[in-house]
Amino acid sequence: MMTPQTAEALALSALGWIAASDDLIGVFMGATGSSLDTMRAQAADPAFLGSVLDFLLMDDSWVVAFCDSNDLDYRQPMIARQLLPGGEIPNWT
């Protein structure tokens, strides 16, 4: 079972994976308005880590590549996202 702490660890891993990709890091910084300094400063902030997973979850091919490179089930980033601030699934009933 995933906890908020393991969700943060997964998001940090995703941030590292994004940062290691020459193609994705520029897209991430453009989409979030982050600089490398901002990313380093906010890496411990659960809300920022939620935005990292939001970004990753925008493209199925990114999710597949990240999960394949980390030997994770493809559902894990979404599960982790739900445990970080802003990731609650709305209940419409």
PDB file of N, CA and C in Angstrom:
ATOM      1  N   MET A   1       0.842  -1.190   0.000  1.00  0.00           N
ATOM      2  CA  MET A   1       0.000   0.000   0.000  1.00  0.00           C
ATOM      3  C   MET A   1       0.885   1.250   0.000  1.00  0.00           C
ATOM      4  N   MET A   2       0.548   2.197  -0.820  1.00  0.00           N
ATOM      5  CA  MET A   2       1.337   3.420  -0.927  1.00  0.00           C
ATOM      6  C   MET A   2       0.920   4.407   0.158  1.00  0.00           C
ATOM      7  N   THR A   3       1.906   5.057   0.727  1.00  0.00           N
ATOM      8  CA  THR A   3       1.686   6.091   1.740  1.00  0.00           C
ATOM      9  C   THR A   3       2.052   7.443   1.132  1.00  0.00           C
ATOM     10  N   PRO A   4       1.691   8.544   1.800  1.00  0.00           N
ATOM     11  CA  PRO A   4       2.138   9.847   1.291  1.00  0.00           C
ATOM     12  C   PRO A   4       3.663   9.937   1.165  1.00  0.00           C
ATOM     13  N   GLN A   5       4.384   9.296   2.059  1.00  0.00           N
ATOM     14  CA  GLN A   5       5.851   9.335   1.992  1.00  0.00           C
ATOM     15  C   GLN A   5       6.375   8.569   0.773  1.00  0.00           C
ATOM     16  N   THR A   6       5.784   7.418   0.486  1.00  0.00           N
ATOM     17  CA  THR A   6       6.239   6.686  -0.700  1.00  0.00           C
ATOM     18  C   THR A   6       5.788   7.393  -1.977  1.00  0.00           C
ATOM     19  N   ALA A   7       4.656   8.104  -1.908  1.00  0.00           N
ATOM     20  CA  ALA A   7       4.209   8.904  -3.049  1.00  0.00           C
ATOM     21  C   ALA A   7       5.206  10.024  -3.329  1.00  0.00           C
ATOM     22  N   GLU A   8       5.696  10.663  -2.260  1.00  0.00           N
ATOM     23  CA  GLU A   8       6.707  11.714  -2.432  1.00  0.00           C
ATOM     24  C   GLU A   8       7.984  11.137  -3.026  1.00  0.00           C
ATOM     25  N   ALA A   9       8.386   9.955  -2.558  1.00  0.00           N
ATOM     26  CA  ALA A   9       9.598   9.320  -3.097  1.00  0.00           C
ATOM     27  C   ALA A   9       9.434   8.999  -4.577  1.00  0.00           C
ATOM     28  N   LEU A  10       8.259   8.509  -4.966  1.00  0.00           N
ATOM     29  CA  LEU A  10       8.002   8.217  -6.372  1.00  0.00           C
ATOM     30  C   LEU A  10       8.056   9.504  -7.196  1.00  0.00           C
ATOM     31  N   ALA A  11       7.465  10.570  -6.671  1.00  0.00           N
ATOM     32  CA  ALA A  11       7.481  11.850  -7.390  1.00  0.00           C
ATOM     33  C   ALA A  11       8.899  12.394  -7.516  1.00  0.00           C
ATOM     34  N   LEU A  12       9.711  12.236  -6.483  1.00  0.00           N
ATOM     35  CA  LEU A  12      11.116  12.659  -6.570  1.00  0.00           C
ATOM     36  C   LEU A  12      11.851  11.853  -7.637  1.00  0.00           C
ATOM     37  N   SER A  13      11.547  10.579  -7.703  1.00  0.00           N
ATOM     38  CA  SER A  13      12.139   9.742  -8.740  1.00  0.00           C
ATOM     39  C   SER A  13      11.703  10.221 -10.123  1.00  0.00           C
ATOM     40  N   ALA A  14      10.429  10.591 -10.241  1.00  0.00           N
ATOM     41  CA  ALA A  14       9.927  11.117 -11.516  1.00  0.00           C
ATOM     42  C   ALA A  14      10.626  12.427 -11.869  1.00  0.00           C
ATOM     43  N   LEU A  15      10.841  13.277 -10.875  1.00  0.00           N
ATOM     44  CA  LEU A  15      11.540  14.540 -11.128  1.00  0.00           C
ATOM     45  C   LEU A  15      12.950  14.272 -11.642  1.00  0.00           C
ATOM     46  N   GLY A  16      13.636  13.325 -11.023  1.00  0.00           N
ATOM     47  CA  GLY A  16      14.974  12.964 -11.483  1.00  0.00           C
ATOM     48  C   GLY A  16      14.963  12.406 -12.894  1.00  0.00           C
ATOM     49  N   TRP A  17      13.948  11.595 -13.198  1.00  0.00           N
ATOM     50  CA  TRP A  17      13.826  11.018 -14.534  1.00  0.00           C
ATOM     51  C   TRP A  17      13.579  12.108 -15.566  1.00  0.00           C
ATOM     52  N   ILE A  18      12.702  13.057 -15.231  1.00  0.00           N
ATOM     53  CA  ILE A  18      12.421  14.179 -16.138  1.00  0.00           C
ATOM     54  C   ILE A  18      13.679  15.023 -16.326  1.00  0.00           C
ATOM     55  N   ALA A  19      14.375  15.317 -15.226  1.00  0.00           N
ATOM     56  CA  ALA A  19      15.581  16.151 -15.297  1.00  0.00           C
ATOM     57  C   ALA A  19      16.677  15.496 -16.128  1.00  0.00           C
ATOM     58  N   ALA A  20      16.707  14.165 -16.148  1.00  0.00           N
ATOM     59  CA  ALA A  20      17.733  13.452 -16.909  1.00  0.00           C
ATOM     60  C   ALA A  20      17.413  13.390 -18.399  1.00  0.00           C
ATOM     61  N   SER A  21      16.207  13.781 -18.772  1.00  0.00           N
ATOM     62  CA  SER A  21      15.805  13.744 -20.171  1.00  0.00           C
ATOM     63  C   SER A  21      15.985  15.116 -20.804  1.00  0.00           C
ATOM     64  N   ASP A  22      16.905  15.203 -21.744  1.00  0.00           N
ATOM     65  CA  ASP A  22      17.137  16.484 -22.428  1.00  0.00           C
ATOM     66  C   ASP A  22      15.869  16.991 -23.104  1.00  0.00           C
ATOM     67  N   ASP A  23      15.047  16.078 -23.602  1.00  0.00           N
ATOM     68  CA  ASP A  23      13.813  16.479 -24.275  1.00  0.00           C
ATOM     69  C   ASP A  23      12.759  16.972 -23.290  1.00  0.00           C
ATOM     70  N   LEU A  24      12.603  16.295 -22.158  1.00  0.00           N
ATOM     71  CA  LEU A  24      11.504  16.620 -21.244  1.00  0.00           C
ATOM     72  C   LEU A  24      11.791  17.762 -20.285  1.00  0.00           C
ATOM     73  N   ILE A  25      13.025  17.945 -19.887  1.00  0.00           N
ATOM     74  CA  ILE A  25      13.307  18.967 -18.872  1.00  0.00           C
ATOM     75  C   ILE A  25      12.906  20.358 -19.363  1.00  0.00           C
ATOM     76  N   GLY A  26      13.158  20.662 -20.607  1.00  0.00           N
ATOM     77  CA  GLY A  26      12.755  21.957 -21.158  1.00  0.00           C
ATOM     78  C   GLY A  26      11.247  22.109 -21.221  1.00  0.00           C
ATOM     79  N   VAL A  27      10.566  21.032 -21.594  1.00  0.00           N
ATOM     80  CA  VAL A  27       9.104  21.058 -21.644  1.00  0.00           C
ATOM     81  C   VAL A  27       8.553  21.248 -20.239  1.00  0.00           C
ATOM     82  N   PHE A  28       9.117  20.530 -19.263  1.00  0.00           N
ATOM     83  CA  PHE A  28       8.670  20.656 -17.873  1.00  0.00           C
ATOM     84  C   PHE A  28       8.867  22.082 -17.360  1.00  0.00           C
ATOM     85  N   MET A  29      10.051  22.639 -17.585  1.00  0.00           N
ATOM     86  CA  MET A  29      10.306  23.998 -17.103  1.00  0.00           C
ATOM     87  C   MET A  29       9.386  25.002 -17.786  1.00  0.00           C
ATOM     88  N   GLY A  30       9.127  24.822 -19.064  1.00  0.00           N
ATOM     89  CA  GLY A  30       8.214  25.709 -19.766  1.00  0.00           C
ATOM     90  C   GLY A  30       6.785  25.583 -19.267  1.00  0.00           C
ATOM     91  N   ALA A  31       6.354  24.356 -19.002  1.00  0.00           N
ATOM     92  CA  ALA A  31       4.976  24.127 -18.557  1.00  0.00           C
ATOM     93  C   ALA A  31       4.746  24.598 -17.133  1.00  0.00           C
ATOM     94  N   THR A  32       5.769  24.491 -16.288  1.00  0.00           N
ATOM     95  CA  THR A  32       5.599  24.839 -14.870  1.00  0.00           C
ATOM     96  C   THR A  32       6.142  26.217 -14.518  1.00  0.00           C
ATOM     97  N   GLY A  33       6.930  26.797 -15.408  1.00  0.00           N
ATOM     98  CA  GLY A  33       7.555  28.074 -15.100  1.00  0.00           C
ATOM     99  C   GLY A  33       8.705  27.931 -14.117  1.00  0.00           C
ATOM    100  N   SER A  34       9.189  26.713 -13.940  1.00  0.00           N
ATOM    101  CA  SER A  34      10.272  26.436 -12.997  1.00  0.00           C
ATOM    102  C   SER A  34      11.630  26.610 -13.654  1.00  0.00           C
ATOM    103  N   SER A  35      12.582  26.998 -12.846  1.00  0.00           N
ATOM    104  CA  SER A  35      13.982  26.984 -13.260  1.00  0.00           C
ATOM    105  C   SER A  35      14.642  25.822 -12.524  1.00  0.00           C
ATOM    106  N   LEU A  36      15.874  25.524 -12.868  1.00  0.00           N
ATOM    107  CA  LEU A  36      16.579  24.459 -12.149  1.00  0.00           C
ATOM    108  C   LEU A  36      16.713  24.802 -10.670  1.00  0.00           C
ATOM    109  N   ASP A  37      16.977  26.059 -10.359  1.00  0.00           N
ATOM    110  CA  ASP A  37      17.081  26.477  -8.951  1.00  0.00           C
ATOM    111  C   ASP A  37      15.759  26.308  -8.223  1.00  0.00           C
ATOM    112  N   THR A  38      14.661  26.674  -8.876  1.00  0.00           N
ATOM    113  CA  THR A  38      13.335  26.515  -8.279  1.00  0.00           C
ATOM    114  C   THR A  38      13.036  25.044  -8.045  1.00  0.00           C
ATOM    115  N   MET A  39      13.383  24.210  -9.013  1.00  0.00           N
ATOM    116  CA  MET A  39      13.137  22.775  -8.870  1.00  0.00           C
ATOM    117  C   MET A  39      13.890  22.223  -7.674  1.00  0.00           C
ATOM    118  N   ARG A  40      15.139  22.618  -7.507  1.00  0.00           N
ATOM    119  CA  ARG A  40      15.929  22.150  -6.356  1.00  0.00           C
ATOM    120  C   ARG A  40      15.325  22.637  -5.043  1.00  0.00           C
ATOM    121  N   ALA A  41      14.912  23.895  -5.026  1.00  0.00           N
ATOM    122  CA  ALA A  41      14.366  24.477  -3.796  1.00  0.00           C
ATOM    123  C   ALA A  41      13.029  23.865  -3.410  1.00  0.00           C
ATOM    124  N   GLN A  42      12.240  23.452  -4.388  1.00  0.00           N
ATOM    125  CA  GLN A  42      10.902  22.946  -4.114  1.00  0.00           C
ATOM    126  C   GLN A  42      10.808  21.424  -4.115  1.00  0.00           C
ATOM    127  N   ALA A  43      11.916  20.741  -4.290  1.00  0.00           N
ATOM    128  CA  ALA A  43      11.895  19.286  -4.404  1.00  0.00           C
ATOM    129  C   ALA A  43      11.338  18.588  -3.168  1.00  0.00           C
ATOM    130  N   ALA A  44      11.343  19.248  -2.025  1.00  0.00           N
ATOM    131  CA  ALA A  44      10.803  18.649  -0.797  1.00  0.00           C
ATOM    132  C   ALA A  44       9.354  19.063  -0.538  1.00  0.00           C
ATOM    133  N   ASP A  45       8.793  19.902  -1.394  1.00  0.00           N
ATOM    134  CA  ASP A  45       7.431  20.398  -1.208  1.00  0.00           C
ATOM    135  C   ASP A  45       6.431  19.418  -1.838  1.00  0.00           C
ATOM    136  N   PRO A  46       5.559  18.800  -1.026  1.00  0.00           N
ATOM    137  CA  PRO A  46       4.605  17.839  -1.575  1.00  0.00           C
ATOM    138  C   PRO A  46       3.714  18.422  -2.675  1.00  0.00           C
ATOM    139  N   ALA A  47       3.349  19.690  -2.586  1.00  0.00           N
ATOM    140  CA  ALA A  47       2.517  20.296  -3.634  1.00  0.00           C
ATOM    141  C   ALA A  47       3.291  20.375  -4.955  1.00  0.00           C
ATOM    142  N   PHE A  48       4.560  20.728  -4.897  1.00  0.00           N
ATOM    143  CA  PHE A  48       5.388  20.757  -6.102  1.00  0.00           C
ATOM    144  C   PHE A  48       5.542  19.349  -6.671  1.00  0.00           C
ATOM    145  N   LEU A  49       5.751  18.379  -5.796  1.00  0.00           N
ATOM    146  CA  LEU A  49       5.882  17.000  -6.257  1.00  0.00           C
ATOM    147  C   LEU A  49       4.594  16.523  -6.934  1.00  0.00           C
ATOM    148  N   GLY A  50       3.457  17.011  -6.448  1.00  0.00           N
ATOM    149  CA  GLY A  50       2.195  16.709  -7.119  1.00  0.00           C
ATOM    150  C   GLY A  50       2.184  17.260  -8.527  1.00  0.00           C
ATOM    151  N   SER A  51       2.738  18.469  -8.704  1.00  0.00           N
ATOM    152  CA  SER A  51       2.778  19.057 -10.049  1.00  0.00           C
ATOM    153  C   SER A  51       3.718  18.281 -10.962  1.00  0.00           C
ATOM    154  N   VAL A  52       4.759  17.690 -10.388  1.00  0.00           N
ATOM    155  CA  VAL A  52       5.660  16.838 -11.182  1.00  0.00           C
ATOM    156  C   VAL A  52       4.872  15.652 -11.736  1.00  0.00           C
ATOM    157  N   LEU A  53       4.068  15.026 -10.870  1.00  0.00           N
ATOM    158  CA  LEU A  53       3.276  13.887 -11.330  1.00  0.00           C
ATOM    159  C   LEU A  53       2.177  14.325 -12.288  1.00  0.00           C
ATOM    160  N   ASP A  54       1.592  15.499 -12.061  1.00  0.00           N
ATOM    161  CA  ASP A  54       0.613  16.025 -13.024  1.00  0.00           C
ATOM    162  C   ASP A  54       1.241  16.117 -14.411  1.00  0.00           C
ATOM    163  N   PHE A  55       2.454  16.633 -14.463  1.00  0.00           N
ATOM    164  CA  PHE A  55       3.162  16.762 -15.734  1.00  0.00           C
ATOM    165  C   PHE A  55       3.403  15.389 -16.354  1.00  0.00           C
ATOM    166  N   LEU A  56       3.945  14.470 -15.572  1.00  0.00           N
ATOM    167  CA  LEU A  56       4.235  13.130 -16.083  1.00  0.00           C
ATOM    168  C   LEU A  56       2.976  12.465 -16.629  1.00  0.00           C
ATOM    169  N   LEU A  57       1.873  12.647 -15.921  1.00  0.00           N
ATOM    170  CA  LEU A  57       0.619  11.987 -16.293  1.00  0.00           C
ATOM    171  C   LEU A  57      -0.047  12.597 -17.527  1.00  0.00           C
ATOM    172  N   MET A  58       0.500  13.691 -18.045  1.00  0.00           N
ATOM    173  CA  MET A  58      -0.066  14.316 -19.241  1.00  0.00           C
ATOM    174  C   MET A  58       0.110  13.458 -20.495  1.00  0.00           C
ATOM    175  N   ASP A  59       1.084  12.560 -20.483  1.00  0.00           N
ATOM    176  CA  ASP A  59       1.382  11.790 -21.696  1.00  0.00           C
ATOM    177  C   ASP A  59       1.615  10.325 -21.321  1.00  0.00           C
ATOM    178  N   ASP A  60       0.792   9.449 -21.867  1.00  0.00           N
ATOM    179  CA  ASP A  60       0.910   8.029 -21.547  1.00  0.00           C
ATOM    180  C   ASP A  60       2.296   7.478 -21.878  1.00  0.00           C
ATOM    181  N   SER A  61       2.903   7.963 -22.945  1.00  0.00           N
ATOM    182  CA  SER A  61       4.221   7.438 -23.309  1.00  0.00           C
ATOM    183  C   SER A  61       5.266   7.815 -22.250  1.00  0.00           C
ATOM    184  N   TRP A  62       5.111   8.974 -21.606  1.00  0.00           N
ATOM    185  CA  TRP A  62       6.019   9.350 -20.523  1.00  0.00           C
ATOM    186  C   TRP A  62       5.822   8.432 -19.325  1.00  0.00           C
ATOM    187  N   VAL A  63       4.567   8.147 -18.998  1.00  0.00           N
ATOM    188  CA  VAL A  63       4.267   7.245 -17.877  1.00  0.00           C
ATOM    189  C   VAL A  63       4.880   5.874 -18.132  1.00  0.00           C
ATOM    190  N   VAL A  64       4.675   5.351 -19.331  1.00  0.00           N
ATOM    191  CA  VAL A  64       5.207   4.037 -19.677  1.00  0.00           C
ATOM    192  C   VAL A  64       6.733   4.041 -19.579  1.00  0.00           C
ATOM    193  N   ALA A  65       7.375   5.042 -20.151  1.00  0.00           N
ATOM    194  CA  ALA A  65       8.839   5.101 -20.136  1.00  0.00           C
ATOM    195  C   ALA A  65       9.373   5.231 -18.712  1.00  0.00           C
ATOM    196  N   PHE A  66       8.749   6.100 -17.900  1.00  0.00           N
ATOM    197  CA  PHE A  66       9.178   6.265 -16.509  1.00  0.00           C
ATOM    198  C   PHE A  66       9.002   4.960 -15.736  1.00  0.00           C
ATOM    199  N   CYS A  67       7.832   4.356 -15.854  1.00  0.00           N
ATOM    200  CA  CYS A  67       7.558   3.122 -15.112  1.00  0.00           C
ATOM    201  C   CYS A  67       8.460   1.988 -15.576  1.00  0.00           C
ATOM    202  N   ASP A  68       8.668   1.876 -16.871  1.00  0.00           N
ATOM    203  CA  ASP A  68       9.554   0.831 -17.387  1.00  0.00           C
ATOM    204  C   ASP A  68      10.976   1.013 -16.869  1.00  0.00           C
ATOM    205  N   SER A  69      11.430   2.254 -16.807  1.00  0.00           N
ATOM    206  CA  SER A  69      12.806   2.499 -16.353  1.00  0.00           C
ATOM    207  C   SER A  69      12.964   2.319 -14.849  1.00  0.00           C
ATOM    208  N   ASN A  70      11.850   2.296 -14.112  1.00  0.00           N
ATOM    209  CA  ASN A  70      11.909   2.135 -12.658  1.00  0.00           C
ATOM    210  C   ASN A  70      11.215   0.859 -12.178  1.00  0.00           C
ATOM    211  N   ASP A  71      10.875  -0.022 -13.111  1.00  0.00           N
ATOM    212  CA  ASP A  71      10.228  -1.294 -12.798  1.00  0.00           C
ATOM    213  C   ASP A  71       8.987  -1.101 -11.923  1.00  0.00           C
ATOM    214  N   LEU A  72       8.117  -0.171 -12.363  1.00  0.00           N
ATOM    215  CA  LEU A  72       6.882   0.141 -11.636  1.00  0.00           C
ATOM    216  C   LEU A  72       5.664  -0.270 -12.457  1.00  0.00           C
ATOM    217  N   ASP A  73       4.602  -0.582 -11.767  1.00  0.00           N
ATOM    218  CA  ASP A  73       3.310  -0.794 -12.399  1.00  0.00           C
ATOM    219  C   ASP A  73       2.859   0.558 -12.968  1.00  0.00           C
ATOM    220  N   TYR A  74       2.232   0.533 -14.131  1.00  0.00           N
ATOM    221  CA  TYR A  74       1.833   1.783 -14.791  1.00  0.00           C
ATOM    222  C   TYR A  74       0.820   2.598 -13.986  1.00  0.00           C
ATOM    223  N   ARG A  75       0.162   1.988 -13.033  1.00  0.00           N
ATOM    224  CA  ARG A  75      -0.823   2.713 -12.212  1.00  0.00           C
ATOM    225  C   ARG A  75      -0.186   3.491 -11.069  1.00  0.00           C
ATOM    226  N   GLN A  76       1.054   3.197 -10.755  1.00  0.00           N
ATOM    227  CA  GLN A  76       1.680   3.793  -9.576  1.00  0.00           C
ATOM    228  C   GLN A  76       1.759   5.323  -9.598  1.00  0.00           C
ATOM    229  N   PRO A  77       2.112   5.962 -10.718  1.00  0.00           N
ATOM    230  CA  PRO A  77       2.134   7.434 -10.688  1.00  0.00           C
ATOM    231  C   PRO A  77       0.768   8.050 -10.370  1.00  0.00           C
ATOM    232  N   MET A  78      -0.313   7.467 -10.880  1.00  0.00           N
ATOM    233  CA  MET A  78      -1.653   8.001 -10.583  1.00  0.00           C
ATOM    234  C   MET A  78      -2.020   7.772  -9.121  1.00  0.00           C
ATOM    235  N   ILE A  79      -1.682   6.613  -8.607  1.00  0.00           N
ATOM    236  CA  ILE A  79      -1.942   6.342  -7.190  1.00  0.00           C
ATOM    237  C   ILE A  79      -1.159   7.320  -6.328  1.00  0.00           C
ATOM    238  N   ALA A  80       0.100   7.536  -6.667  1.00  0.00           N
ATOM    239  CA  ALA A  80       0.922   8.479  -5.916  1.00  0.00           C
ATOM    240  C   ALA A  80       0.335   9.885  -5.996  1.00  0.00           C
ATOM    241  N   ARG A  81      -0.133  10.272  -7.175  1.00  0.00           N
ATOM    242  CA  ARG A  81      -0.686  11.618  -7.354  1.00  0.00           C
ATOM    243  C   ARG A  81      -1.869  11.847  -6.438  1.00  0.00           C
ATOM    244  N   GLN A  82      -2.677  10.838  -6.241  1.00  0.00           N
ATOM    245  CA  GLN A  82      -3.857  10.966  -5.397  1.00  0.00           C
ATOM    246  C   GLN A  82      -3.499  11.190  -3.934  1.00  0.00           C
ATOM    247  N   LEU A  83      -2.297  10.828  -3.531  1.00  0.00           N
ATOM    248  CA  LEU A  83      -1.877  10.969  -2.138  1.00  0.00           C
ATOM    249  C   LEU A  83      -1.161  12.282  -1.846  1.00  0.00           C
ATOM    250  N   LEU A  84      -0.889  13.058  -2.878  1.00  0.00           N
ATOM    251  CA  LEU A  84      -0.208  14.342  -2.695  1.00  0.00           C
ATOM    252  C   LEU A  84      -1.218  15.483  -2.765  1.00  0.00           C
ATOM    253  N   PRO A  85      -0.889  16.651  -2.206  1.00  0.00           N
ATOM    254  CA  PRO A  85      -1.836  17.778  -2.208  1.00  0.00           C
ATOM    255  C   PRO A  85      -2.359  18.092  -3.605  1.00  0.00           C
ATOM    256  N   GLY A  86      -3.680  18.266  -3.689  1.00  0.00           N
ATOM    257  CA  GLY A  86      -4.333  18.590  -4.955  1.00  0.00           C
ATOM    258  C   GLY A  86      -4.702  17.394  -5.784  1.00  0.00           C
ATOM    259  N   GLY A  87      -4.379  16.195  -5.320  1.00  0.00           N
ATOM    260  CA  GLY A  87      -4.633  15.004  -6.107  1.00  0.00           C
ATOM    261  C   GLY A  87      -5.890  14.249  -5.735  1.00  0.00           C
ATOM    262  N   GLU A  88      -6.685  14.814  -4.855  1.00  0.00           N
ATOM    263  CA  GLU A  88      -7.893  14.131  -4.426  1.00  0.00           C
ATOM    264  C   GLU A  88      -8.858  13.966  -5.595  1.00  0.00           C
ATOM    265  N   ILE A  89      -9.460  12.821  -5.665  1.00  0.00           N
ATOM    266  CA  ILE A  89     -10.460  12.580  -6.700  1.00  0.00           C
ATOM    267  C   ILE A  89     -11.770  13.185  -6.211  1.00  0.00           C
ATOM    268  N   PRO A  90     -12.368  14.099  -7.000  1.00  0.00           N
ATOM    269  CA  PRO A  90     -13.620  14.718  -6.541  1.00  0.00           C
ATOM    270  C   PRO A  90     -14.751  13.707  -6.445  1.00  0.00           C
ATOM    271  N   ASN A  91     -15.563  13.878  -5.452  1.00  0.00           N
ATOM    272  CA  ASN A  91     -16.751  13.041  -5.277  1.00  0.00           C
ATOM    273  C   ASN A  91     -17.952  13.896  -5.649  1.00  0.00           C
ATOM    274  N   TRP A  92     -18.597  13.552  -6.751  1.00  0.00           N
ATOM    275  CA  TRP A  92     -19.671  14.374  -7.289  1.00  0.00           C
ATOM    276  C   TRP A  92     -21.041  13.987  -6.756  1.00  0.00           C
ATOM    277  N   THR A  93     -21.097  13.041  -5.829  1.00  0.00           N
ATOM    278  CA  THR A  93     -22.408  12.627  -5.303  1.00  0.00           C
ATOM    279  C   THR A  93     -22.682  13.229  -3.958  1.00  0.00           C
TER     280      THR A  93
END
